[in-house]
PDB file of N, CA and C in Angstrom:
ATOM      1  N   MET A   1      35.157  11.368 -10.500  1.00  0.00           N
ATOM      2  CA  MET A   1      33.907  11.947  -9.943  1.00  0.00           C
ATOM      3  C   MET A   1      32.785  10.913 -10.434  1.00  0.00           C
ATOM      4  N   ARG A   2      32.749  11.552 -11.883  1.00  0.00           N
ATOM      5  CA  ARG A   2      31.481  11.180 -12.971  1.00  0.00           C
ATOM      6  C   ARG A   2      30.976   9.890 -12.735  1.00  0.00           C
ATOM      7  N   GLN A   3      32.082   9.242 -12.498  1.00  0.00           N
ATOM      8  CA  GLN A   3      31.581   7.685 -12.328  1.00  0.00           C
ATOM      9  C   GLN A   3      30.586   7.656 -11.263  1.00  0.00           C
ATOM     10  N   PHE A   4      31.531   8.082 -10.128  1.00  0.00           N
ATOM     11  CA  PHE A   4      30.685   7.762  -9.002  1.00  0.00           C
ATOM     12  C   PHE A   4      29.298   8.357  -8.906  1.00  0.00           C
ATOM     13  N   LEU A   5      28.956   9.369  -9.772  1.00  0.00           N
ATOM     14  CA  LEU A   5      28.122  10.114  -9.662  1.00  0.00           C
ATOM     15  C   LEU A   5      26.771   9.175 -10.367  1.00  0.00           C
ATOM     16  N   LEU A   6      27.744   8.941 -11.413  1.00  0.00           N
ATOM     17  CA  LEU A   6      26.430   8.171 -12.434  1.00  0.00           C
ATOM     18  C   LEU A   6      26.254   6.827 -11.672  1.00  0.00           C
ATOM     19  N   SER A   7      27.029   6.047 -10.945  1.00  0.00           N
ATOM     20  CA  SER A   7      26.868   5.155  -9.986  1.00  0.00           C
ATOM     21  C   SER A   7      25.885   5.034  -9.192  1.00  0.00           C
ATOM     22  N   THR A   8      26.324   6.489  -8.557  1.00  0.00           N
ATOM     23  CA  THR A   8      25.261   7.042  -7.466  1.00  0.00           C
ATOM     24  C   THR A   8      23.681   6.528  -7.950  1.00  0.00           C
ATOM     25  N   VAL A   9      23.503   7.435  -9.016  1.00  0.00           N
ATOM     26  CA  VAL A   9      22.123   7.746  -9.675  1.00  0.00           C
ATOM     27  C   VAL A   9      21.510   6.188 -10.639  1.00  0.00           C
ATOM     28  N   LEU A  10      22.354   5.928 -10.540  1.00  0.00           N
ATOM     29  CA  LEU A  10      21.946   3.859 -11.289  1.00  0.00           C
ATOM     30  C   LEU A  10      21.441   3.639  -9.559  1.00  0.00           C
ATOM     31  N   ILE A  11      21.900   3.187  -8.907  1.00  0.00           N
ATOM     32  CA  ILE A  11      21.902   2.690  -7.708  1.00  0.00           C
ATOM     33  C   ILE A  11      20.620   3.174  -7.120  1.00  0.00           C
ATOM     34  N   ILE A  12      20.748   4.272  -6.978  1.00  0.00           N
ATOM     35  CA  ILE A  12      18.904   5.359  -6.453  1.00  0.00           C
ATOM     36  C   ILE A  12      17.857   4.851  -7.431  1.00  0.00           C
ATOM     37  N   SER A  13      18.106   5.114  -8.316  1.00  0.00           N
ATOM     38  CA  SER A  13      16.861   4.392  -9.757  1.00  0.00           C
ATOM     39  C   SER A  13      16.430   2.962  -9.637  1.00  0.00           C
ATOM     40  N   LEU A  14      17.184   2.256  -9.185  1.00  0.00           N
ATOM     41  CA  LEU A  14      17.246   0.787  -9.086  1.00  0.00           C
ATOM     42  C   LEU A  14      16.194   0.538  -7.941  1.00  0.00           C
ATOM     43  N   MET A  15      17.081   1.620  -7.023  1.00  0.00           N
ATOM     44  CA  MET A  15      15.842   1.193  -5.614  1.00  0.00           C
ATOM     45  C   MET A  15      14.510   1.939  -6.027  1.00  0.00           C
ATOM     46  N   LEU A  16      14.588   2.672  -6.472  1.00  0.00           N
ATOM     47  CA  LEU A  16      12.993   3.324  -6.061  1.00  0.00           C
ATOM     48  C   LEU A  16      12.675   2.470  -7.549  1.00  0.00           C
ATOM     49  N   ALA A  17      12.860   2.144  -8.589  1.00  0.00           N
ATOM     50  CA  ALA A  17      12.112   0.949  -9.452  1.00  0.00           C
ATOM     51  C   ALA A  17      11.973  -0.133  -8.509  1.00  0.00           C
ATOM     52  N   PHE A  18      12.362  -0.510  -7.604  1.00  0.00           N
ATOM     53  CA  PHE A  18      12.443  -1.875  -6.697  1.00  0.00           C
ATOM     54  C   PHE A  18      10.966  -1.346  -5.759  1.00  0.00           C
ATOM     55  N   ALA A  19      10.839  -0.563  -5.014  1.00  0.00           N
ATOM     56  CA  ALA A  19      10.182   0.128  -4.060  1.00  0.00           C
ATOM     57  C   ALA A  19       8.457  -0.049  -4.699  1.00  0.00           C
ATOM     58  N   CYS A  20       8.779   1.229  -5.647  1.00  0.00           N
ATOM     59  CA  CYS A  20       7.717   1.050  -6.295  1.00  0.00           C
ATOM     60  C   CYS A  20       6.590   0.231  -7.051  1.00  0.00           C
ATOM     61  N   SER A  21       7.544  -1.160  -7.286  1.00  0.00           N
ATOM     62  CA  SER A  21       7.051  -2.283  -8.059  1.00  0.00           C
ATOM     63  C   SER A  21       6.555  -3.512  -7.118  1.00  0.00           C
ATOM     64  N   GLN A  22       6.997  -2.866  -5.904  1.00  0.00           N
ATOM     65  CA  GLN A  22       6.577  -3.739  -4.833  1.00  0.00           C
ATOM     66  C   GLN A  22       5.336  -3.230  -3.976  1.00  0.00           C
ATOM     67  N   GLN A  23       4.619  -1.632  -4.061  1.00  0.00           N
ATOM     68  CA  GLN A  23       3.095  -1.149  -3.832  1.00  0.00           C
ATOM     69  C   GLN A  23       2.336  -1.921  -3.830  1.00  0.00           C
ATOM     70  N   GLY A  24       0.743  -1.660  -2.974  1.00  0.00           N
ATOM     71  CA  GLY A  24       0.059  -2.592  -3.364  1.00  0.00           C
ATOM     72  C   GLY A  24      -0.143  -3.633  -3.154  1.00  0.00           C
ATOM     73  N   LYS A  25       0.959  -4.385  -2.768  1.00  0.00           N
ATOM     74  CA  LYS A  25       0.767  -6.114  -2.876  1.00  0.00           C
ATOM     75  C   LYS A  25       1.548  -6.330  -1.444  1.00  0.00           C
ATOM     76  N   ASP A  26       0.377  -7.462  -0.802  1.00  0.00           N
ATOM     77  CA  ASP A  26       0.777  -7.731   0.875  1.00  0.00           C
ATOM     78  C   ASP A  26       1.757  -9.008   0.897  1.00  0.00           C
ATOM     79  N   ALA A  27       1.949  -9.530   2.195  1.00  0.00           N
ATOM     80  CA  ALA A  27       3.599  -9.761   2.306  1.00  0.00           C
ATOM     81  C   ALA A  27       3.904 -11.289   1.246  1.00  0.00           C
ATOM     82  N   ALA A  28       2.685 -11.996   0.972  1.00  0.00           N
ATOM     83  CA  ALA A  28       3.216 -13.220  -0.120  1.00  0.00           C
ATOM     84  C   ALA A  28       3.092 -12.716  -1.674  1.00  0.00           C
ATOM     85  N   GLY A  29       3.171 -11.730  -2.007  1.00  0.00           N
ATOM     86  CA  GLY A  29       3.511 -11.384  -3.241  1.00  0.00           C
ATOM     87  C   GLY A  29       2.188 -10.830  -3.838  1.00  0.00           C
ATOM     88  N   ARG A  30       0.970 -11.253  -3.286  1.00  0.00           N
ATOM     89  CA  ARG A  30      -0.314 -11.222  -4.215  1.00  0.00           C
ATOM     90  C   ARG A  30      -0.326  -9.686  -3.883  1.00  0.00           C
ATOM     91  N   LEU A  31      -1.597  -9.173  -5.130  1.00  0.00           N
ATOM     92  CA  LEU A  31      -2.169  -7.715  -5.121  1.00  0.00           C
ATOM     93  C   LEU A  31      -2.872  -7.800  -3.976  1.00  0.00           C
ATOM     94  N   SER A  32      -2.777  -6.491  -3.342  1.00  0.00           N
ATOM     95  CA  SER A  32      -4.035  -6.012  -2.331  1.00  0.00           C
ATOM     96  C   SER A  32      -5.055  -5.459  -2.846  1.00  0.00           C
ATOM     97  N   THR A  33      -6.426  -5.842  -2.306  1.00  0.00           N
ATOM     98  CA  THR A  33      -7.476  -5.402  -2.098  1.00  0.00           C
ATOM     99  C   THR A  33      -8.348  -5.099  -1.054  1.00  0.00           C
ATOM    100  N   ALA A  34      -9.315  -3.845  -1.335  1.00  0.00           N
ATOM    101  CA  ALA A  34     -10.387  -3.211  -0.609  1.00  0.00           C
ATOM    102  C   ALA A  34     -11.345  -4.021  -1.064  1.00  0.00           C
ATOM    103  N   THR A  35     -12.286  -3.938   0.284  1.00  0.00           N
ATOM    104  CA  THR A  35     -13.816  -4.149   0.547  1.00  0.00           C
ATOM    105  C   THR A  35     -14.527  -3.021   1.001  1.00  0.00           C
ATOM    106  N   VAL A  36     -15.694  -2.952   0.454  1.00  0.00           N
ATOM    107  CA  VAL A  36     -16.208  -1.468   0.420  1.00  0.00           C
ATOM    108  C   VAL A  36     -17.496  -1.889   1.213  1.00  0.00           C
ATOM    109  N   TYR A  37     -17.859  -1.536   2.365  1.00  0.00           N
ATOM    110  CA  TYR A  37     -19.056  -1.830   3.023  1.00  0.00           C
ATOM    111  C   TYR A  37     -20.051  -0.752   3.286  1.00  0.00           C
ATOM    112  N   SER A  38     -21.231  -0.959   3.284  1.00  0.00           N
ATOM    113  CA  SER A  38     -22.164   0.555   3.472  1.00  0.00           C
ATOM    114  C   SER A  38     -22.352   0.786   4.729  1.00  0.00           C
ATOM    115  N   SER A  39     -21.617  -0.007   5.666  1.00  0.00           N
ATOM    116  CA  SER A  39     -22.140   0.365   7.100  1.00  0.00           C
ATOM    117  C   SER A  39     -20.877  -0.181   8.098  1.00  0.00           C
ATOM    118  N   ILE A  40     -20.476   0.603   8.726  1.00  0.00           N
ATOM    119  CA  ILE A  40     -19.370   0.380  10.308  1.00  0.00           C
ATOM    120  C   ILE A  40     -19.297  -0.851  10.650  1.00  0.00           C
ATOM    121  N   GLU A  41     -21.152  -1.064  11.135  1.00  0.00           N
ATOM    122  CA  GLU A  41     -20.942  -2.519  12.291  1.00  0.00           C
ATOM    123  C   GLU A  41     -21.072  -3.855  11.232  1.00  0.00           C
ATOM    124  N   GLU A  42     -21.031  -3.493   9.819  1.00  0.00           N
ATOM    125  CA  GLU A  42     -20.952  -4.745   8.761  1.00  0.00           C
ATOM    126  C   GLU A  42     -19.308  -4.880   8.703  1.00  0.00           C
ATOM    127  N   ALA A  43     -18.127  -3.734   8.388  1.00  0.00           N
ATOM    128  CA  ALA A  43     -17.183  -4.328   8.416  1.00  0.00           C
ATOM    129  C   ALA A  43     -16.142  -4.607   9.717  1.00  0.00           C
ATOM    130  N   LEU A  44     -16.882  -3.949  11.059  1.00  0.00           N
ATOM    131  CA  LEU A  44     -16.430  -4.389  12.489  1.00  0.00           C
ATOM    132  C   LEU A  44     -16.936  -5.755  12.239  1.00  0.00           C
ATOM    133  N   ALA A  45     -17.653  -6.471  12.032  1.00  0.00           N
ATOM    134  CA  ALA A  45     -18.210  -8.108  12.286  1.00  0.00           C
ATOM    135  C   ALA A  45     -17.114  -9.001  11.056  1.00  0.00           C
ATOM    136  N   THR A  46     -17.090  -8.488  10.056  1.00  0.00           N
ATOM    137  CA  THR A  46     -16.344  -9.042   9.335  1.00  0.00           C
ATOM    138  C   THR A  46     -15.312  -9.177   9.308  1.00  0.00           C
ATOM    139  N   VAL A  47     -14.216  -8.172  10.105  1.00  0.00           N
ATOM    140  CA  VAL A  47     -12.798  -8.554  10.622  1.00  0.00           C
ATOM    141  C   VAL A  47     -12.957  -8.860  11.564  1.00  0.00           C
ATOM    142  N   GLU A  48     -13.612  -8.901  12.737  1.00  0.00           N
ATOM    143  CA  GLU A  48     -13.474  -9.638  14.156  1.00  0.00           C
ATOM    144  C   GLU A  48     -12.654 -10.747  14.271  1.00  0.00           C
ATOM    145  N   GLY A  49     -11.587 -10.738  15.026  1.00  0.00           N
ATOM    146  CA  GLY A  49     -11.135 -11.865  15.410  1.00  0.00           C
ATOM    147  C   GLY A  49     -10.041 -12.252  14.369  1.00  0.00           C
ATOM    148  N   SER A  50      -9.541 -11.066  13.682  1.00  0.00           N
ATOM    149  CA  SER A  50      -8.718 -11.222  12.449  1.00  0.00           C
ATOM    150  C   SER A  50      -7.404  -9.636  13.001  1.00  0.00           C
ATOM    151  N   ASP A  51      -6.386 -10.140  12.186  1.00  0.00           N
ATOM    152  CA  ASP A  51      -5.322  -8.533  12.212  1.00  0.00           C
ATOM    153  C   ASP A  51      -5.736  -7.454  10.741  1.00  0.00           C
ATOM    154  N   LYS A  52      -6.845  -7.597  10.508  1.00  0.00           N
ATOM    155  CA  LYS A  52      -7.104  -6.479   9.442  1.00  0.00           C
ATOM    156  C   LYS A  52      -6.953  -5.443   9.656  1.00  0.00           C
ATOM    157  N   PRO A  53      -6.603  -4.518   9.346  1.00  0.00           N
ATOM    158  CA  PRO A  53      -6.967  -2.847   9.762  1.00  0.00           C
ATOM    159  C   PRO A  53      -8.710  -2.779   9.130  1.00  0.00           C
ATOM    160  N   VAL A  54      -9.188  -1.360   9.048  1.00  0.00           N
ATOM    161  CA  VAL A  54     -10.857  -0.989   8.999  1.00  0.00           C
ATOM    162  C   VAL A  54     -10.275   0.413   8.876  1.00  0.00           C
ATOM    163  N   ILE A  55     -10.504   1.000   7.802  1.00  0.00           N
ATOM    164  CA  ILE A  55     -10.184   2.196   7.445  1.00  0.00           C
ATOM    165  C   ILE A  55     -12.017   2.509   6.948  1.00  0.00           C
ATOM    166  N   VAL A  56     -11.723   3.748   7.507  1.00  0.00           N
ATOM    167  CA  VAL A  56     -13.465   4.775   7.126  1.00  0.00           C
ATOM    168  C   VAL A  56     -13.121   6.031   6.308  1.00  0.00           C
ATOM    169  N   ASP A  57     -13.841   5.667   5.088  1.00  0.00           N
ATOM    170  CA  ASP A  57     -13.346   6.921   4.105  1.00  0.00           C
ATOM    171  C   ASP A  57     -14.877   8.069   4.474  1.00  0.00           C
ATOM    172  N   PHE A  58     -14.866   8.713   4.211  1.00  0.00           N
ATOM    173  CA  PHE A  58     -16.346   9.750   4.214  1.00  0.00           C
ATOM    174  C   PHE A  58     -15.706  10.847   3.871  1.00  0.00           C
ATOM    175  N   TYR A  59     -16.987  11.546   3.576  1.00  0.00           N
ATOM    176  CA  TYR A  59     -16.672  12.811   2.930  1.00  0.00           C
ATOM    177  C   TYR A  59     -18.074  13.792   3.279  1.00  0.00           C
ATOM    178  N   THR A  60     -17.532  15.313   2.940  1.00  0.00           N
ATOM    179  CA  THR A  60     -18.840  15.752   2.909  1.00  0.00           C
ATOM    180  C   THR A  60     -18.961  17.404   2.301  1.00  0.00           C
ATOM    181  N   ASP A  61     -19.660  17.779   1.490  1.00  0.00           N
ATOM    182  CA  ASP A  61     -20.255  18.726   0.548  1.00  0.00           C
ATOM    183  C   ASP A  61     -20.537  19.854   0.902  1.00  0.00           C
ATOM    184  N   TRP A  62     -19.927  20.342   2.139  1.00  0.00           N
ATOM    185  CA  TRP A  62     -20.581  21.352   2.686  1.00  0.00           C
ATOM    186  C   TRP A  62     -20.234  22.513   2.223  1.00  0.00           C
TER     187      TRP A  62
END
């Protein structure tokens, strides 16, 4: 029973380590980068015709 538990913990740890090492990479294995635009029109014009998403991030201090 103890050997089974240790094996399970080891396998889960390896799976988590592999999953964490892949974060922030694109399909080709390169690190992803974000581009910041000051207007939504500029961002939409840049990605028009591509399959890249546009993320709009804003805040207020009400």
